[in-house]
Amino acid sequence: MSPAFRDYTPILDLAPGPLTVSPQGVGTAVDFLAGAWLPMPATRASGIDDAIVHRMLTSAIIAALIGARLAYVANHLGDYIVEATHRGAGHG
């Protein structure tokens, strides 16, 4: 089985209200922010406008979120098919 299709259950989930926050989600956000912040001095030194870098980073985060969702759906495709089958048969 491909490592991308392994089942993963987080050890800890924090639920401040209706939102659930997992440690890997926090780590991903911190990693993305660090990856956005660290190259800024180099891009400025190269004469690249901050607005261009911010547009690129915005596109990257949107693409990453869409890709993550597509990977999740591909990994749980059987669940979606079962749900659609039950709805089509009048079970919910």
Protein backbone atom coordinates (compact mmCIF):
# COMPACT_ATOMS: atom_id res chain seq x y z
CA MET A 1 0.00 0.00 0.00
CA SER A 2 1.22 3.47 -0.83
CA PRO A 3 2.24 5.62 2.17
CA ALA A 4 -0.14 8.31 0.90
CA PHE A 5 -3.10 6.01 1.52
CA ARG A 6 -2.39 4.99 5.11
CA ASP A 7 -5.04 5.60 7.72
CA TYR A 8 -3.98 8.24 10.21
CA THR A 9 -5.72 8.99 13.46
CA PRO A 10 -4.32 11.99 15.33
CA ILE A 11 -3.19 11.36 18.88
CA LEU A 12 -4.64 14.65 20.09
CA ASP A 13 -7.40 16.91 18.79
CA LEU A 14 -8.18 20.23 20.40
CA ALA A 15 -11.77 21.40 20.10
CA PRO A 16 -12.11 25.09 21.04
CA GLY A 17 -15.83 25.39 20.32
CA PRO A 18 -17.18 24.08 17.01
CA LEU A 19 -13.68 23.96 15.48
CA THR A 20 -11.34 20.98 15.79
CA VAL A 21 -7.62 21.70 15.63
CA SER A 22 -5.14 18.87 15.16
CA PRO A 23 -1.41 19.06 15.89
CA GLN A 24 -0.49 18.26 12.30
CA GLY A 25 -2.73 21.10 11.10
CA VAL A 26 -1.02 23.54 13.45
CA GLY A 27 2.37 22.26 12.30
CA THR A 28 1.41 22.67 8.67
CA ALA A 29 0.25 26.25 9.28
CA VAL A 30 3.46 27.12 11.15
CA ASP A 31 5.55 25.53 8.38
CA PHE A 32 3.72 27.47 5.69
CA LEU A 33 4.09 30.77 7.57
CA ALA A 34 7.79 30.13 8.15
CA GLY A 35 8.22 29.22 4.50
CA ALA A 36 6.50 32.46 3.52
CA TRP A 37 8.43 34.66 5.95
CA LEU A 38 11.98 33.29 5.65
CA PRO A 39 12.63 34.03 1.94
CA MET A 40 11.29 37.60 2.12
CA PRO A 41 14.71 39.24 2.74
CA ALA A 42 16.17 37.34 -0.23
CA THR A 43 13.31 38.28 -2.55
CA ARG A 44 13.57 41.93 -1.48
CA ALA A 45 17.34 41.85 -2.07
CA SER A 46 16.68 40.47 -5.55
CA GLY A 47 14.31 43.33 -6.28
CA ILE A 48 11.14 41.22 -6.30
CA ASP A 49 8.13 43.20 -5.11
CA ASP A 50 6.42 41.91 -1.94
CA ALA A 51 3.04 42.01 -3.69
CA ILE A 52 4.26 39.49 -6.28
CA VAL A 53 5.52 37.16 -3.55
CA HIS A 54 2.24 37.49 -1.63
CA ARG A 55 0.19 36.66 -4.74
CA MET A 56 2.37 33.62 -5.36
CA LEU A 57 1.99 32.47 -1.74
CA THR A 58 -1.78 33.00 -1.86
CA SER A 59 -1.97 30.86 -5.00
CA ALA A 60 0.22 28.23 -3.34
CA ILE A 61 -1.95 27.95 -0.22
CA ILE A 62 -5.15 27.73 -2.28
CA ALA A 63 -3.61 25.01 -4.48
CA ALA A 64 -2.35 23.18 -1.38
CA LEU A 65 -5.79 23.22 0.26
CA ILE A 66 -7.50 22.00 -2.91
CA GLY A 67 -4.85 19.30 -3.40
CA ALA A 68 -5.15 18.17 0.22
CA ARG A 69 -8.91 17.88 -0.12
CA LEU A 70 -8.62 15.93 -3.37
CA ALA A 71 -6.11 13.58 -1.73
CA TYR A 72 -8.48 13.11 1.22
CA VAL A 73 -11.39 12.30 -1.07
CA ALA A 74 -9.24 9.88 -3.09
CA ASN A 75 -8.14 8.21 0.14
CA HIS A 76 -11.75 7.89 1.38
CA LEU A 77 -13.49 7.33 -1.94
CA GLY A 78 -15.24 4.22 -0.66
CA ASP A 79 -16.91 6.25 2.10
CA TYR A 80 -18.24 8.75 -0.42
CA ILE A 81 -19.54 5.99 -2.71
CA VAL A 82 -21.34 4.25 0.16
CA GLU A 83 -22.90 7.54 1.29
CA ALA A 84 -24.06 8.36 -2.24
CA THR A 85 -25.47 4.84 -2.66
CA HIS A 86 -27.43 5.11 0.60
CA ARG A 87 -28.82 8.52 -0.33
CA GLY A 88 -29.80 7.31 -3.78
CA ALA A 89 -31.62 4.35 -2.28
CA GLY A 90 -33.64 6.59 0.03
CA HIS A 91 -31.75 5.76 3.23
CA GLY A 92 -31.08 9.29 4.36
